[in-house]
Every structure is written in structure tokens, then in C-alpha cells.
Amino acid sequence: MYWTLELASYLEDAPWPATRDELVDYAERTGAPLEVIENLENLEDDGEPYESIEEIWPDYPTADDDFYFEEE
């Protein structure tokens, strides 16, 4: 399982919190690439919902992480 910013972007508008099955269904309905669906299918499914993309990909960059264009 691997995530990139492009793949994770398909889940930005997902209905959080959501279970693995709900996320797979969302990805299929929105036309996400096969890699996204495969990554979601490889997640643990303990029946508990994931609260955000950060629970799926802990290194997901947030707006606070983007310092590239910040003025000095």
C-alpha cells in the first residue's frame, strides 16, 4: 500500500468519519483510480470508522506543513 498526494486527493471530500467499506464505495462512485481502491481494500477493517485521511496516511500533509511559499 502506498499513498501519494494525487491518490489521497481523491479522498479529500469523502464523508468522514467513514468505515473502510464506505470509503471503498465512495472511491468507486467518484471514479477514483484503481490504486486508491486497492489501497483502501488493504486497510484494516475492524468495523470502526476512520475519522480522517490522517488515520489512513499519517504523513498526509496539511496546510500547516506547507512552508515552501511562506515569506521569510
N, C-alpha and C. Protein backbone atom coordinates (compact mmCIF):
# COMPACT_ATOMS: atom_id res chain seq x y z
N MET A 1 0.84 -1.16 0.00
CA MET A 1 0.00 0.00 0.00
C MET A 1 0.89 1.23 0.00
N TYR A 2 0.61 2.14 -0.91
CA TYR A 2 1.34 3.39 -0.94
C TYR A 2 0.37 4.53 -1.25
N TRP A 3 0.69 5.70 -0.72
CA TRP A 3 -0.14 6.87 -0.97
C TRP A 3 0.74 7.97 -1.54
N THR A 4 0.17 8.74 -2.42
CA THR A 4 0.78 9.95 -2.93
C THR A 4 -0.24 11.07 -2.73
N LEU A 5 0.20 12.29 -2.91
CA LEU A 5 -0.74 13.42 -2.78
C LEU A 5 -1.86 13.30 -3.81
N GLU A 6 -1.52 12.87 -5.01
CA GLU A 6 -2.53 12.73 -6.06
C GLU A 6 -3.58 11.68 -5.67
N LEU A 7 -3.13 10.53 -5.16
CA LEU A 7 -4.07 9.48 -4.77
C LEU A 7 -4.92 9.92 -3.58
N ALA A 8 -4.28 10.52 -2.59
CA ALA A 8 -5.01 10.95 -1.40
C ALA A 8 -6.01 12.05 -1.71
N SER A 9 -5.75 12.83 -2.74
CA SER A 9 -6.66 13.93 -3.08
C SER A 9 -8.05 13.43 -3.46
N TYR A 10 -8.16 12.18 -3.90
CA TYR A 10 -9.46 11.61 -4.24
C TYR A 10 -10.33 11.38 -3.00
N LEU A 11 -9.73 11.44 -1.82
CA LEU A 11 -10.48 11.21 -0.58
C LEU A 11 -10.72 12.48 0.22
N GLU A 12 -10.29 13.63 -0.29
CA GLU A 12 -10.43 14.88 0.46
C GLU A 12 -11.89 15.19 0.78
N ASP A 13 -12.80 14.88 -0.14
CA ASP A 13 -14.21 15.19 0.08
C ASP A 13 -15.01 13.98 0.53
N ALA A 14 -14.33 12.95 0.97
CA ALA A 14 -15.01 11.73 1.44
C ALA A 14 -15.87 12.07 2.66
N PRO A 15 -16.91 11.29 2.89
CA PRO A 15 -17.81 11.56 4.03
C PRO A 15 -17.21 11.07 5.35
N TRP A 16 -16.27 11.83 5.90
CA TRP A 16 -15.63 11.45 7.16
C TRP A 16 -16.58 11.68 8.32
N PRO A 17 -16.57 10.89 9.35
CA PRO A 17 -15.90 9.60 9.50
C PRO A 17 -16.58 8.54 8.63
N ALA A 18 -15.76 7.56 8.23
CA ALA A 18 -16.28 6.52 7.34
C ALA A 18 -15.53 5.21 7.58
N THR A 19 -16.25 4.12 7.43
CA THR A 19 -15.62 2.80 7.55
C THR A 19 -14.87 2.50 6.26
N ARG A 20 -14.08 1.47 6.29
CA ARG A 20 -13.33 1.07 5.10
C ARG A 20 -14.28 0.81 3.93
N ASP A 21 -15.35 0.07 4.17
CA ASP A 21 -16.29 -0.23 3.09
C ASP A 21 -16.95 1.02 2.53
N GLU A 22 -17.26 1.97 3.39
CA GLU A 22 -17.85 3.23 2.93
C GLU A 22 -16.86 4.01 2.07
N LEU A 23 -15.58 3.98 2.45
CA LEU A 23 -14.56 4.68 1.68
C LEU A 23 -14.35 4.01 0.32
N VAL A 24 -14.35 2.68 0.29
CA VAL A 24 -14.22 1.96 -0.98
C VAL A 24 -15.40 2.31 -1.88
N ASP A 25 -16.60 2.29 -1.33
CA ASP A 25 -17.80 2.63 -2.10
C ASP A 25 -17.71 4.06 -2.63
N TYR A 26 -17.28 5.00 -1.80
CA TYR A 26 -17.12 6.39 -2.21
C TYR A 26 -16.12 6.50 -3.36
N ALA A 27 -14.98 5.82 -3.23
CA ALA A 27 -13.94 5.88 -4.26
C ALA A 27 -14.46 5.32 -5.58
N GLU A 28 -15.19 4.23 -5.53
CA GLU A 28 -15.74 3.64 -6.74
C GLU A 28 -16.76 4.58 -7.40
N ARG A 29 -17.63 5.18 -6.59
CA ARG A 29 -18.67 6.06 -7.12
C ARG A 29 -18.11 7.34 -7.73
N THR A 30 -16.99 7.82 -7.20
CA THR A 30 -16.42 9.07 -7.68
C THR A 30 -15.39 8.87 -8.78
N GLY A 31 -15.15 7.62 -9.15
CA GLY A 31 -14.22 7.35 -10.25
C GLY A 31 -12.76 7.47 -9.89
N ALA A 32 -12.42 7.19 -8.65
CA ALA A 32 -11.03 7.22 -8.21
C ALA A 32 -10.24 6.13 -8.93
N PRO A 33 -8.94 6.34 -9.14
CA PRO A 33 -8.11 5.33 -9.79
C PRO A 33 -8.10 4.01 -9.01
N LEU A 34 -7.81 2.96 -9.70
CA LEU A 34 -7.76 1.62 -9.11
C LEU A 34 -6.80 1.56 -7.92
N GLU A 35 -5.70 2.31 -7.98
CA GLU A 35 -4.72 2.31 -6.88
C GLU A 35 -5.35 2.78 -5.57
N VAL A 36 -6.24 3.77 -5.64
CA VAL A 36 -6.91 4.27 -4.44
C VAL A 36 -7.79 3.17 -3.85
N ILE A 37 -8.57 2.52 -4.72
CA ILE A 37 -9.47 1.46 -4.26
C ILE A 37 -8.68 0.30 -3.67
N GLU A 38 -7.59 -0.09 -4.32
CA GLU A 38 -6.76 -1.18 -3.79
C GLU A 38 -6.16 -0.80 -2.44
N ASN A 39 -5.68 0.44 -2.30
CA ASN A 39 -5.13 0.89 -1.01
C ASN A 39 -6.19 0.82 0.08
N LEU A 40 -7.40 1.25 -0.23
CA LEU A 40 -8.47 1.21 0.76
C LEU A 40 -8.85 -0.22 1.12
N GLU A 41 -8.87 -1.11 0.14
CA GLU A 41 -9.21 -2.51 0.41
C GLU A 41 -8.16 -3.19 1.27
N ASN A 42 -6.94 -2.67 1.28
CA ASN A 42 -5.86 -3.25 2.09
C ASN A 42 -5.83 -2.71 3.52
N LEU A 43 -6.70 -1.75 3.83
CA LEU A 43 -6.76 -1.21 5.19
C LEU A 43 -7.36 -2.24 6.15
N GLU A 44 -7.01 -2.10 7.43
CA GLU A 44 -7.63 -2.94 8.47
C GLU A 44 -9.11 -2.62 8.54
N ASP A 45 -9.92 -3.65 8.68
CA ASP A 45 -11.36 -3.43 8.80
C ASP A 45 -11.85 -4.02 10.11
N ASP A 46 -11.81 -3.18 11.16
CA ASP A 46 -12.28 -3.63 12.47
C ASP A 46 -13.69 -3.12 12.75
N GLY A 47 -14.31 -2.54 11.72
CA GLY A 47 -15.67 -2.03 11.87
C GLY A 47 -15.75 -0.62 12.40
N GLU A 48 -14.63 -0.10 12.89
CA GLU A 48 -14.59 1.26 13.42
C GLU A 48 -14.34 2.24 12.27
N PRO A 49 -14.98 3.38 12.30
CA PRO A 49 -14.77 4.36 11.22
C PRO A 49 -13.42 5.06 11.34
N TYR A 50 -12.90 5.44 10.20
CA TYR A 50 -11.71 6.29 10.15
C TYR A 50 -12.21 7.73 10.23
N GLU A 51 -11.58 8.53 11.08
CA GLU A 51 -12.03 9.90 11.31
C GLU A 51 -11.57 10.87 10.23
N SER A 52 -10.42 10.58 9.59
CA SER A 52 -9.88 11.49 8.57
C SER A 52 -8.82 10.77 7.76
N ILE A 53 -8.35 11.44 6.73
CA ILE A 53 -7.30 10.87 5.88
C ILE A 53 -6.02 10.64 6.69
N GLU A 54 -5.81 11.43 7.74
CA GLU A 54 -4.60 11.27 8.55
C GLU A 54 -4.55 9.91 9.25
N GLU A 55 -5.70 9.29 9.51
CA GLU A 55 -5.71 7.96 10.12
C GLU A 55 -5.31 6.89 9.10
N ILE A 56 -5.53 7.18 7.84
CA ILE A 56 -5.17 6.24 6.78
C ILE A 56 -3.72 6.45 6.36
N TRP A 57 -3.35 7.70 6.19
CA TRP A 57 -1.99 8.07 5.79
C TRP A 57 -1.47 9.10 6.79
N PRO A 58 -0.78 8.66 7.85
CA PRO A 58 -0.35 9.58 8.91
C PRO A 58 0.55 10.72 8.42
N ASP A 59 1.23 10.54 7.30
CA ASP A 59 2.12 11.58 6.79
C ASP A 59 1.42 12.54 5.83
N TYR A 60 0.08 12.47 5.76
CA TYR A 60 -0.66 13.35 4.86
C TYR A 60 -0.36 14.80 5.22
N PRO A 61 0.14 15.56 4.26
CA PRO A 61 0.49 16.96 4.56
C PRO A 61 -0.76 17.82 4.74
N THR A 62 -0.70 18.68 5.71
CA THR A 62 -1.81 19.61 5.95
C THR A 62 -1.36 21.01 5.55
N ALA A 63 -2.27 21.95 5.60
CA ALA A 63 -1.93 23.33 5.25
C ALA A 63 -0.83 23.87 6.16
N ASP A 64 -0.77 23.39 7.37
CA ASP A 64 0.27 23.84 8.31
C ASP A 64 1.66 23.35 7.90
N ASP A 65 1.72 22.29 7.09
CA ASP A 65 3.01 21.73 6.70
C ASP A 65 3.62 22.42 5.50
N ASP A 66 2.88 23.25 4.79
CA ASP A 66 3.35 23.85 3.56
C ASP A 66 4.03 25.18 3.85
N PHE A 67 5.34 25.12 3.95
CA PHE A 67 6.11 26.32 4.24
C PHE A 67 6.88 26.81 3.02
N TYR A 68 6.72 26.19 1.90
CA TYR A 68 7.52 26.47 0.72
C TYR A 68 7.34 27.92 0.24
N PHE A 69 6.10 28.40 0.20
CA PHE A 69 5.85 29.73 -0.33
C PHE A 69 5.70 30.81 0.75
N GLU A 70 5.96 30.42 1.96
CA GLU A 70 5.83 31.36 3.05
C GLU A 70 6.94 32.41 2.99
N GLU A 71 6.57 33.66 3.23
CA GLU A 71 7.59 34.73 3.22
C GLU A 71 8.43 34.63 4.48
N GLU A 72 9.69 35.01 4.32
CA GLU A 72 10.60 34.93 5.46
C GLU A 72 10.51 36.16 6.30
